[in-house]
């Protein structure tokens, strides 16, 4: 699916200043708002995920978007379209998982309809009070590029599921991701200048490339500084898992030296694109280079 092209067309038709980041920042209301959908056999398979885990993940991916904006997650609505074979136990377990992921974020409503398979749509609202809100267009030359957590683990878990493995640390990361609330809060509540921040739902390289493109800068990255689980090196093309795997829901931000709350992996320079410094070479990735290798959804992996 040509998601990015569709978004560009929609933005142009609506002539909206709000479309572009993962959350729309409605400054007059003091909120951000986002919505994400999960479709059976595209984003997940019931062969691999329990109803509890599905509810958990559905909520967590939206909380991650709010965190990436710098806002505090506050409210959620959940809409479900369900086939006839769904049981009451599925609904109970789904909402137990959703509630566990939400923690102090209140689920305030939604909708339930019939469908040929499971469709999940979650909307999340975040409060901007006391926070400086991010935009992928805000990276400034001289800022440092920082990240939270490990990268590549979720895709490793998906690969293991496809091989028939049932349990592992990577599979847990894939099925029950964790939004980086503390990382986002420390930056948004303390930073004194504009900054860029995105989550890595579509991969670390996607986030780096989007920030570079929207801010018209070069992100110069030292590969050896990117945090990842060393067991990833057991996988074929393990570096691609780190850059293009997707669904880690870690955060990438560009911040001044005074606001370093994560691992520094590089800096913002004049130019355009993403420059990766490996031990033996340096490679410049353009926006076009990155989009050719972006994270593909479940259906396209089969």
C-alpha atoms as a PDB file:
ATOM      1  CA  UNK A   1       0.000   0.000   0.000  1.00  0.00           C
ATOM      2  CA  UNK A   2       1.307   3.444  -0.939  1.00  0.00           C
ATOM      3  CA  UNK A   3       0.521   4.911   2.478  1.00  0.00           C
ATOM      4  CA  UNK A   4       2.831   7.920   2.245  1.00  0.00           C
ATOM      5  CA  UNK A   5       1.565   8.910  -1.196  1.00  0.00           C
ATOM      6  CA  UNK A   6      -2.032   8.647   0.010  1.00  0.00           C
ATOM      7  CA  UNK A   7      -1.291  10.836   3.036  1.00  0.00           C
ATOM      8  CA  UNK A   8       0.326  13.468   0.809  1.00  0.00           C
ATOM      9  CA  UNK A   9      -2.740  13.486  -1.468  1.00  0.00           C
ATOM     10  CA  UNK A  10      -5.125  13.760   1.492  1.00  0.00           C
ATOM     11  CA  UNK A  11      -3.108  16.597   3.021  1.00  0.00           C
ATOM     12  CA  UNK A  12      -3.127  18.487  -0.272  1.00  0.00           C
ATOM     13  CA  UNK A  13      -6.861  18.018  -0.849  1.00  0.00           C
ATOM     14  CA  UNK A  14      -7.802  19.081   2.680  1.00  0.00           C
ATOM     15  CA  UNK A  15      -5.192  21.848   2.777  1.00  0.00           C
ATOM     16  CA  UNK A  16      -4.712  20.988   6.447  1.00  0.00           C
ATOM     17  CA  UNK A  17      -1.884  22.291   8.598  1.00  0.00           C
ATOM     18  CA  UNK A  18      -2.548  19.495  11.101  1.00  0.00           C
ATOM     19  CA  UNK A  19      -1.724  16.492   8.894  1.00  0.00           C
ATOM     20  CA  UNK A  20       1.906  15.374   8.833  1.00  0.00           C
ATOM     21  CA  UNK A  21       2.845  14.337  12.348  1.00  0.00           C
ATOM     22  CA  UNK A  22       1.519  11.242  14.109  1.00  0.00           C
ATOM     23  CA  UNK A  23      -0.701  13.472  16.265  1.00  0.00           C
ATOM     24  CA  UNK A  24      -2.655  16.590  15.327  1.00  0.00           C
ATOM     25  CA  UNK A  25      -1.781  19.392  17.761  1.00  0.00           C
ATOM     26  CA  UNK A  26      -4.972  21.372  18.423  1.00  0.00           C
ATOM     27  CA  UNK A  27      -3.387  24.286  20.247  1.00  0.00           C
ATOM     28  CA  UNK A  28      -6.674  26.140  20.790  1.00  0.00           C
ATOM     29  CA  UNK A  29      -8.012  23.138  22.742  1.00  0.00           C
ATOM     30  CA  UNK A  30      -4.749  22.269  24.491  1.00  0.00           C
ATOM     31  CA  UNK A  31      -4.752  18.705  23.190  1.00  0.00           C
ATOM     32  CA  UNK A  32      -3.224  16.367  20.646  1.00  0.00           C
ATOM     33  CA  UNK A  33      -5.290  13.660  18.973  1.00  0.00           C
ATOM     34  CA  UNK A  34      -4.369  10.568  16.981  1.00  0.00           C
ATOM     35  CA  UNK A  35      -6.070   7.497  15.542  1.00  0.00           C
ATOM     36  CA  UNK A  36      -4.675   4.139  14.431  1.00  0.00           C
ATOM     37  CA  UNK A  37      -6.226   1.037  12.946  1.00  0.00           C
ATOM     38  CA  UNK A  38      -5.259  -2.632  13.097  1.00  0.00           C
ATOM     39  CA  UNK A  39      -6.660  -5.099  10.560  1.00  0.00           C
ATOM     40  CA  UNK A  40      -6.661  -8.870  10.936  1.00  0.00           C
ATOM     41  CA  UNK A  41      -4.260 -10.628   8.542  1.00  0.00           C
ATOM     42  CA  UNK A  42      -2.599  -7.309   7.741  1.00  0.00           C
ATOM     43  CA  UNK A  43      -1.300  -6.124  11.122  1.00  0.00           C
ATOM     44  CA  UNK A  44      -1.876  -9.264  13.175  1.00  0.00           C
ATOM     45  CA  UNK A  45      -2.968 -12.883  12.996  1.00  0.00           C
ATOM     46  CA  UNK A  46      -5.047 -14.712  15.591  1.00  0.00           C
ATOM     47  CA  UNK A  47      -2.647 -17.627  15.069  1.00  0.00           C
ATOM     48  CA  UNK A  48       0.061 -15.671  16.879  1.00  0.00           C
ATOM     49  CA  UNK A  49      -1.612 -13.220  19.261  1.00  0.00           C
ATOM     50  CA  UNK A  50      -4.048 -13.728  22.141  1.00  0.00           C
ATOM     51  CA  UNK A  51      -7.087 -11.478  22.652  1.00  0.00           C
ATOM     52  CA  UNK A  52      -5.386 -10.006  25.740  1.00  0.00           C
ATOM     53  CA  UNK A  53      -2.218  -9.218  23.801  1.00  0.00           C
ATOM     54  CA  UNK A  54      -4.265  -7.754  20.936  1.00  0.00           C
ATOM     55  CA  UNK A  55      -6.081  -5.387  23.279  1.00  0.00           C
ATOM     56  CA  UNK A  56      -2.814  -4.460  24.939  1.00  0.00           C
ATOM     57  CA  UNK A  57      -1.023  -3.716  21.671  1.00  0.00           C
ATOM     58  CA  UNK A  58      -3.960  -1.844  20.130  1.00  0.00           C
ATOM     59  CA  UNK A  59      -3.911   0.644  22.987  1.00  0.00           C
ATOM     60  CA  UNK A  60      -0.160   0.865  23.373  1.00  0.00           C
ATOM     61  CA  UNK A  61       0.515   1.865  19.760  1.00  0.00           C
ATOM     62  CA  UNK A  62      -1.779   4.882  20.187  1.00  0.00           C
ATOM     63  CA  UNK A  63      -0.264   5.866  23.505  1.00  0.00           C
ATOM     64  CA  UNK A  64       3.107   5.729  21.764  1.00  0.00           C
ATOM     65  CA  UNK A  65       1.931   8.283  19.177  1.00  0.00           C
ATOM     66  CA  UNK A  66       0.804  10.655  21.931  1.00  0.00           C
ATOM     67  CA  UNK A  67       4.142  10.221  23.689  1.00  0.00           C
ATOM     68  CA  UNK A  68       5.960  10.985  20.424  1.00  0.00           C
ATOM     69  CA  UNK A  69       4.138  14.324  20.306  1.00  0.00           C
ATOM     70  CA  UNK A  70       5.358  15.181  23.800  1.00  0.00           C
ATOM     71  CA  UNK A  71       1.823  15.291  25.234  1.00  0.00           C
ATOM     72  CA  UNK A  72       0.529  13.350  28.234  1.00  0.00           C
ATOM     73  CA  UNK A  73      -1.821  10.493  27.226  1.00  0.00           C
ATOM     74  CA  UNK A  74      -5.249  11.189  28.743  1.00  0.00           C
ATOM     75  CA  UNK A  75      -8.207   9.479  27.018  1.00  0.00           C
ATOM     76  CA  UNK A  76      -8.911   6.642  24.566  1.00  0.00           C
ATOM     77  CA  UNK A  77     -11.830   5.362  22.521  1.00  0.00           C
ATOM     78  CA  UNK A  78     -11.895   1.905  20.946  1.00  0.00           C
ATOM     79  CA  UNK A  79     -14.023   0.811  17.987  1.00  0.00           C
ATOM     80  CA  UNK A  80     -14.244  -2.854  17.025  1.00  0.00           C
ATOM     81  CA  UNK A  81     -15.644  -4.470  13.883  1.00  0.00           C
ATOM     82  CA  UNK A  82     -15.978  -8.195  14.565  1.00  0.00           C
ATOM     83  CA  UNK A  83     -16.874 -11.416  12.681  1.00  0.00           C
ATOM     84  CA  UNK A  84     -19.537 -13.824  13.909  1.00  0.00           C
ATOM     85  CA  UNK A  85     -17.082 -16.257  15.527  1.00  0.00           C
ATOM     86  CA  UNK A  86     -15.945 -13.757  18.182  1.00  0.00           C
ATOM     87  CA  UNK A  87     -16.949 -14.844  21.700  1.00  0.00           C
ATOM     88  CA  UNK A  88     -17.695 -12.940  24.887  1.00  0.00           C
ATOM     89  CA  UNK A  89     -14.457 -14.322  26.296  1.00  0.00           C
ATOM     90  CA  UNK A  90     -12.543 -12.664  23.415  1.00  0.00           C
ATOM     91  CA  UNK A  91     -14.120  -9.295  24.303  1.00  0.00           C
ATOM     92  CA  UNK A  92     -13.391  -9.720  28.011  1.00  0.00           C
ATOM     93  CA  UNK A  93      -9.748 -10.646  27.403  1.00  0.00           C
ATOM     94  CA  UNK A  94      -9.298  -7.903  24.775  1.00  0.00           C
ATOM     95  CA  UNK A  95     -10.465  -5.199  27.175  1.00  0.00           C
ATOM     96  CA  UNK A  96      -8.433  -6.619  30.059  1.00  0.00           C
ATOM     97  CA  UNK A  97      -5.361  -6.201  27.852  1.00  0.00           C
ATOM     98  CA  UNK A  98      -6.459  -2.747  26.747  1.00  0.00           C
ATOM     99  CA  UNK A  99      -6.969  -1.643  30.350  1.00  0.00           C
ATOM    100  CA  UNK A 100      -3.569  -3.012  31.395  1.00  0.00           C
ATOM    101  CA  UNK A 101      -1.838  -1.057  28.620  1.00  0.00           C
ATOM    102  CA  UNK A 102      -3.815   2.113  29.332  1.00  0.00           C
ATOM    103  CA  UNK A 103      -2.864   2.238  33.025  1.00  0.00           C
ATOM    104  CA  UNK A 104      -3.971   5.744  34.105  1.00  0.00           C
ATOM    105  CA  UNK A 105      -5.315   6.653  30.654  1.00  0.00           C
ATOM    106  CA  UNK A 106      -9.115   6.362  30.700  1.00  0.00           C
ATOM    107  CA  UNK A 107     -10.978   4.418  28.018  1.00  0.00           C
ATOM    108  CA  UNK A 108     -14.122   6.522  27.582  1.00  0.00           C
ATOM    109  CA  UNK A 109     -16.070   4.882  24.745  1.00  0.00           C
ATOM    110  CA  UNK A 110     -16.064   3.580  21.196  1.00  0.00           C
ATOM    111  CA  UNK A 111     -18.227   1.421  18.958  1.00  0.00           C
ATOM    112  CA  UNK A 112     -18.862  -2.225  18.032  1.00  0.00           C
ATOM    113  CA  UNK A 113     -20.079  -3.392  14.605  1.00  0.00           C
ATOM    114  CA  UNK A 114     -20.082  -6.577  12.535  1.00  0.00           C
ATOM    115  CA  UNK A 115     -17.508  -7.383   9.843  1.00  0.00           C
ATOM    116  CA  UNK A 116     -15.920 -10.241   7.918  1.00  0.00           C
ATOM    117  CA  UNK A 117     -12.765 -10.095  10.079  1.00  0.00           C
ATOM    118  CA  UNK A 118     -11.420  -8.097  13.030  1.00  0.00           C
ATOM    119  CA  UNK A 119     -10.927  -4.384  12.497  1.00  0.00           C
ATOM    120  CA  UNK A 120      -9.706  -2.262  15.416  1.00  0.00           C
ATOM    121  CA  UNK A 121      -9.640   1.530  15.471  1.00  0.00           C
ATOM    122  CA  UNK A 122      -8.341   3.392  18.504  1.00  0.00           C
ATOM    123  CA  UNK A 123      -8.318   7.156  19.019  1.00  0.00           C
ATOM    124  CA  UNK A 124      -6.171   8.762  21.699  1.00  0.00           C
ATOM    125  CA  UNK A 125      -6.218  12.257  23.186  1.00  0.00           C
ATOM    126  CA  UNK A 126      -3.260  13.802  25.003  1.00  0.00           C
ATOM    127  CA  UNK A 127      -2.982  16.861  27.212  1.00  0.00           C
ATOM    128  CA  UNK A 128      -0.387  19.497  26.279  1.00  0.00           C
ATOM    129  CA  UNK A 129      -0.450  21.317  29.631  1.00  0.00           C
ATOM    130  CA  UNK A 130       3.116  21.999  30.806  1.00  0.00           C
ATOM    131  CA  UNK A 131       4.589  20.296  27.717  1.00  0.00           C
ATOM    132  CA  UNK A 132       6.395  21.584  24.629  1.00  0.00           C
ATOM    133  CA  UNK A 133       4.905  19.683  21.675  1.00  0.00           C
ATOM    134  CA  UNK A 134       7.192  18.150  19.049  1.00  0.00           C
ATOM    135  CA  UNK A 135       7.058  18.091  15.262  1.00  0.00           C
ATOM    136  CA  UNK A 136       9.135  16.101  12.815  1.00  0.00           C
ATOM    137  CA  UNK A 137       9.809  19.450  11.083  1.00  0.00           C
ATOM    138  CA  UNK A 138      11.525  20.950  14.145  1.00  0.00           C
ATOM    139  CA  UNK A 139      15.038  19.434  13.959  1.00  0.00           C
ATOM    140  CA  UNK A 140      17.729  22.132  14.165  1.00  0.00           C
ATOM    141  CA  UNK A 141      21.358  22.037  13.027  1.00  0.00           C
ATOM    142  CA  UNK A 142      23.563  21.379  16.043  1.00  0.00           C
ATOM    143  CA  UNK A 143      21.008  19.338  17.970  1.00  0.00           C
ATOM    144  CA  UNK A 144      21.863  15.803  19.077  1.00  0.00           C
ATOM    145  CA  UNK A 145      19.934  12.763  17.874  1.00  0.00           C
ATOM    146  CA  UNK A 146      18.858  10.619  20.822  1.00  0.00           C
ATOM    147  CA  UNK A 147      16.874   7.389  21.110  1.00  0.00           C
ATOM    148  CA  UNK A 148      15.167   5.335  23.780  1.00  0.00           C
ATOM    149  CA  UNK A 149      15.599   1.596  24.236  1.00  0.00           C
ATOM    150  CA  UNK A 150      16.687  -1.177  21.874  1.00  0.00           C
ATOM    151  CA  UNK A 151      15.924  -1.331  18.159  1.00  0.00           C
ATOM    152  CA  UNK A 152      15.116  -4.343  15.988  1.00  0.00           C
ATOM    153  CA  UNK A 153      13.716  -6.601  18.710  1.00  0.00           C
ATOM    154  CA  UNK A 154      10.081  -6.539  17.580  1.00  0.00           C
ATOM    155  CA  UNK A 155      10.856  -7.599  14.016  1.00  0.00           C
ATOM    156  CA  UNK A 156      13.069 -10.365  15.377  1.00  0.00           C
ATOM    157  CA  UNK A 157      10.062 -11.565  17.374  1.00  0.00           C
ATOM    158  CA  UNK A 158       7.870 -11.554  14.269  1.00  0.00           C
ATOM    159  CA  UNK A 159      10.471 -13.592  12.386  1.00  0.00           C
ATOM    160  CA  UNK A 160      10.519 -16.120  15.221  1.00  0.00           C
ATOM    161  CA  UNK A 161       6.722 -16.411  15.139  1.00  0.00           C
ATOM    162  CA  UNK A 162       6.880 -17.178  11.426  1.00  0.00           C
ATOM    163  CA  UNK A 163       9.343 -20.007  12.140  1.00  0.00           C
ATOM    164  CA  UNK A 164       6.926 -21.575  14.627  1.00  0.00           C
ATOM    165  CA  UNK A 165       8.530 -20.385  17.845  1.00  0.00           C
ATOM    166  CA  UNK A 166       5.994 -19.605  20.581  1.00  0.00           C
ATOM    167  CA  UNK A 167       7.906 -17.747  23.280  1.00  0.00           C
ATOM    168  CA  UNK A 168      11.005 -15.575  23.505  1.00  0.00           C
ATOM    169  CA  UNK A 169      12.043 -12.137  24.700  1.00  0.00           C
ATOM    170  CA  UNK A 170      11.752 -10.888  21.120  1.00  0.00           C
ATOM    171  CA  UNK A 171       8.236 -12.321  20.690  1.00  0.00           C
ATOM    172  CA  UNK A 172       7.128 -10.633  23.927  1.00  0.00           C
ATOM    173  CA  UNK A 173       8.505  -7.332  22.637  1.00  0.00           C
ATOM    174  CA  UNK A 174       6.570  -7.780  19.391  1.00  0.00           C
ATOM    175  CA  UNK A 175       3.247  -8.763  20.953  1.00  0.00           C
ATOM    176  CA  UNK A 176       3.304  -6.462  23.983  1.00  0.00           C
ATOM    177  CA  UNK A 177       5.295  -3.300  23.193  1.00  0.00           C
ATOM    178  CA  UNK A 178       5.841  -0.544  25.723  1.00  0.00           C
ATOM    179  CA  UNK A 179       5.280   3.135  24.972  1.00  0.00           C
ATOM    180  CA  UNK A 180       8.159   5.328  26.148  1.00  0.00           C
ATOM    181  CA  UNK A 181       6.215   7.590  28.498  1.00  0.00           C
ATOM    182  CA  UNK A 182       9.062   8.618  30.800  1.00  0.00           C
ATOM    183  CA  UNK A 183      11.458   9.404  27.950  1.00  0.00           C
ATOM    184  CA  UNK A 184       8.854  11.628  26.289  1.00  0.00           C
ATOM    185  CA  UNK A 185       7.808  13.317  29.517  1.00  0.00           C
ATOM    186  CA  UNK A 186      11.350  14.260  30.523  1.00  0.00           C
ATOM    187  CA  UNK A 187      11.978  15.928  27.189  1.00  0.00           C
ATOM    188  CA  UNK A 188       8.610  17.644  26.701  1.00  0.00           C
ATOM    189  CA  UNK A 189       8.399  19.002  30.252  1.00  0.00           C
ATOM    190  CA  UNK A 190      11.953  20.355  30.369  1.00  0.00           C
ATOM    191  CA  UNK A 191      13.134  21.300  26.876  1.00  0.00           C
ATOM    192  CA  UNK A 192      13.464  25.031  26.172  1.00  0.00           C
ATOM    193  CA  UNK A 193      13.524  25.001  22.355  1.00  0.00           C
ATOM    194  CA  UNK A 194      11.645  23.374  19.480  1.00  0.00           C
ATOM    195  CA  UNK A 195      12.534  19.738  18.857  1.00  0.00           C
ATOM    196  CA  UNK A 196      11.601  16.827  16.611  1.00  0.00           C
ATOM    197  CA  UNK A 197      10.389  13.492  17.965  1.00  0.00           C
ATOM    198  CA  UNK A 198       8.832  10.375  16.411  1.00  0.00           C
ATOM    199  CA  UNK A 199       8.243   6.804  17.425  1.00  0.00           C
ATOM    200  CA  UNK A 200       9.734   3.897  15.499  1.00  0.00           C
ATOM    201  CA  UNK A 201       6.453   2.169  14.614  1.00  0.00           C
ATOM    202  CA  UNK A 202       7.646   1.900  11.001  1.00  0.00           C
ATOM    203  CA  UNK A 203      11.307   1.427  11.882  1.00  0.00           C
ATOM    204  CA  UNK A 204      14.208   3.515  13.119  1.00  0.00           C
ATOM    205  CA  UNK A 205      15.292   4.486   9.608  1.00  0.00           C
ATOM    206  CA  UNK A 206      11.783   5.649   8.725  1.00  0.00           C
ATOM    207  CA  UNK A 207      11.748   7.990  11.722  1.00  0.00           C
ATOM    208  CA  UNK A 208      15.225   9.328  10.979  1.00  0.00           C
ATOM    209  CA  UNK A 209      14.375   9.852   7.309  1.00  0.00           C
ATOM    210  CA  UNK A 210      11.044  11.547   8.029  1.00  0.00           C
ATOM    211  CA  UNK A 211      12.657  13.992  10.460  1.00  0.00           C
ATOM    212  CA  UNK A 212      15.492  14.719   8.026  1.00  0.00           C
ATOM    213  CA  UNK A 213      13.076  15.257   5.142  1.00  0.00           C
ATOM    214  CA  UNK A 214      10.511  17.385   6.990  1.00  0.00           C
ATOM    215  CA  UNK A 215      13.213  19.500   8.690  1.00  0.00           C
ATOM    216  CA  UNK A 216      15.402  19.706   5.554  1.00  0.00           C
ATOM    217  CA  UNK A 217      18.513  18.587   7.443  1.00  0.00           C
ATOM    218  CA  UNK A 218      21.053  15.767   7.491  1.00  0.00           C
ATOM    219  CA  UNK A 219      20.995  13.326  10.396  1.00  0.00           C
ATOM    220  CA  UNK A 220      24.516  11.992  10.888  1.00  0.00           C
ATOM    221  CA  UNK A 221      24.308   8.690  12.799  1.00  0.00           C
ATOM    222  CA  UNK A 222      27.005   6.472  14.329  1.00  0.00           C
ATOM    223  CA  UNK A 223      25.780   2.883  13.908  1.00  0.00           C
ATOM    224  CA  UNK A 224      27.883   1.600  16.812  1.00  0.00           C
ATOM    225  CA  UNK A 225      25.993   3.908  19.190  1.00  0.00           C
ATOM    226  CA  UNK A 226      22.525   2.569  18.325  1.00  0.00           C
ATOM    227  CA  UNK A 227      21.313   0.377  21.209  1.00  0.00           C
ATOM    228  CA  UNK A 228      20.155  -3.128  20.288  1.00  0.00           C
ATOM    229  CA  UNK A 229      20.020  -6.581  21.834  1.00  0.00           C
ATOM    230  CA  UNK A 230      23.229  -8.376  20.833  1.00  0.00           C
ATOM    231  CA  UNK A 231      21.258 -11.566  20.201  1.00  0.00           C
ATOM    232  CA  UNK A 232      19.981  -9.864  17.047  1.00  0.00           C
ATOM    233  CA  UNK A 233      23.335 -10.678  15.484  1.00  0.00           C
ATOM    234  CA  UNK A 234      22.173 -14.306  15.214  1.00  0.00           C
ATOM    235  CA  UNK A 235      19.673 -13.275  12.537  1.00  0.00           C
ATOM    236  CA  UNK A 236      20.412 -12.962   8.825  1.00  0.00           C
ATOM    237  CA  UNK A 237      20.709  -9.300   7.780  1.00  0.00           C
ATOM    238  CA  UNK A 238      20.409  -8.277  11.416  1.00  0.00           C
ATOM    239  CA  UNK A 239      21.334  -4.649  10.698  1.00  0.00           C
ATOM    240  CA  UNK A 240      18.203  -4.366   8.556  1.00  0.00           C
ATOM    241  CA  UNK A 241      16.139  -5.417  11.572  1.00  0.00           C
ATOM    242  CA  UNK A 242      17.535  -2.456  13.495  1.00  0.00           C
ATOM    243  CA  UNK A 243      16.818   0.060  10.754  1.00  0.00           C
ATOM    244  CA  UNK A 244      13.716  -1.252   8.980  1.00  0.00           C
ATOM    245  CA  UNK A 245      12.083  -3.781  11.302  1.00  0.00           C
ATOM    246  CA  UNK A 246       9.318  -1.602  12.725  1.00  0.00           C
ATOM    247  CA  UNK A 247       6.980  -1.923  15.706  1.00  0.00           C
ATOM    248  CA  UNK A 248       9.578  -1.336  18.405  1.00  0.00           C
ATOM    249  CA  UNK A 249       7.698   1.810  19.516  1.00  0.00           C
ATOM    250  CA  UNK A 250      10.872   3.407  20.773  1.00  0.00           C
ATOM    251  CA  UNK A 251      11.348   7.168  20.360  1.00  0.00           C
ATOM    252  CA  UNK A 252      13.809   9.220  18.316  1.00  0.00           C
ATOM    253  CA  UNK A 253      14.332  12.902  19.143  1.00  0.00           C
ATOM    254  CA  UNK A 254      16.597  15.797  18.211  1.00  0.00           C
ATOM    255  CA  UNK A 255      17.479  17.895  21.255  1.00  0.00           C
ATOM    256  CA  UNK A 256      20.088  20.416  22.449  1.00  0.00           C
ATOM    257  CA  UNK A 257      23.036  19.324  24.604  1.00  0.00           C
ATOM    258  CA  UNK A 258      21.153  20.495  27.700  1.00  0.00           C
ATOM    259  CA  UNK A 259      18.304  17.997  27.244  1.00  0.00           C
ATOM    260  CA  UNK A 260      19.993  14.608  26.816  1.00  0.00           C
ATOM    261  CA  UNK A 261      17.590  12.050  28.326  1.00  0.00           C
ATOM    262  CA  UNK A 262      18.390   9.096  26.079  1.00  0.00           C
ATOM    263  CA  UNK A 263      21.253   7.520  24.143  1.00  0.00           C
ATOM    264  CA  UNK A 264      23.033   9.907  21.757  1.00  0.00           C
ATOM    265  CA  UNK A 265      23.463   8.251  18.350  1.00  0.00           C
ATOM    266  CA  UNK A 266      24.355  11.251  16.197  1.00  0.00           C
ATOM    267  CA  UNK A 267      23.704  14.895  15.430  1.00  0.00           C
ATOM    268  CA  UNK A 268      21.810  17.204  13.104  1.00  0.00           C
ATOM    269  CA  UNK A 269      23.889  18.776  10.348  1.00  0.00           C
ATOM    270  CA  UNK A 270      23.358  20.871   7.213  1.00  0.00           C
ATOM    271  CA  UNK A 271      22.295  18.785   4.212  1.00  0.00           C
ATOM    272  CA  UNK A 272      19.494  16.312   3.627  1.00  0.00           C
ATOM    273  CA  UNK A 273      19.006  12.638   4.299  1.00  0.00           C
ATOM    274  CA  UNK A 274      20.397  10.130   6.785  1.00  0.00           C
ATOM    275  CA  UNK A 275      24.116   9.454   6.904  1.00  0.00           C
ATOM    276  CA  UNK A 276      25.117   6.247   8.675  1.00  0.00           C
ATOM    277  CA  UNK A 277      28.720   5.858   9.810  1.00  0.00           C
ATOM    278  CA  UNK A 278      29.669   2.190   9.995  1.00  0.00           C
ATOM    279  CA  UNK A 279      33.067   0.917  11.155  1.00  0.00           C
ATOM    280  CA  UNK A 280      34.344   0.534   7.605  1.00  0.00           C
ATOM    281  CA  UNK A 281      32.200   2.910   5.541  1.00  0.00           C
ATOM    282  CA  UNK A 282      29.766   5.820   5.503  1.00  0.00           C
ATOM    283  CA  UNK A 283      26.493   5.538   3.577  1.00  0.00           C
ATOM    284  CA  UNK A 284      24.067   8.349   2.729  1.00  0.00           C
ATOM    285  CA  UNK A 285      20.422   7.280   2.518  1.00  0.00           C
ATOM    286  CA  UNK A 286      18.029   9.553   0.649  1.00  0.00           C
ATOM    287  CA  UNK A 287      14.282   9.620   1.301  1.00  0.00           C
ATOM    288  CA  UNK A 288      13.792   7.505  -1.840  1.00  0.00           C
ATOM    289  CA  UNK A 289      16.389   4.960  -0.680  1.00  0.00           C
ATOM    290  CA  UNK A 290      14.599   4.537   2.635  1.00  0.00           C
ATOM    291  CA  UNK A 291      11.083   4.248   1.231  1.00  0.00           C
ATOM    292  CA  UNK A 292      12.154   1.298  -0.946  1.00  0.00           C
ATOM    293  CA  UNK A 293      12.981  -0.718   2.182  1.00  0.00           C
ATOM    294  CA  UNK A 294      10.345   0.459   4.639  1.00  0.00           C
ATOM    295  CA  UNK A 295       8.530  -1.824   7.051  1.00  0.00           C
ATOM    296  CA  UNK A 296       5.898  -3.951   5.300  1.00  0.00           C
ATOM    297  CA  UNK A 297       2.721  -4.985   7.078  1.00  0.00           C
ATOM    298  CA  UNK A 298       1.841  -8.562   8.059  1.00  0.00           C
ATOM    299  CA  UNK A 299       0.018  -9.531   4.872  1.00  0.00           C
ATOM    300  CA  UNK A 300       2.956  -8.467   2.709  1.00  0.00           C
ATOM    301  CA  UNK A 301       5.401 -10.551   4.741  1.00  0.00           C
ATOM    302  CA  UNK A 302       3.623 -13.877   4.170  1.00  0.00           C
END
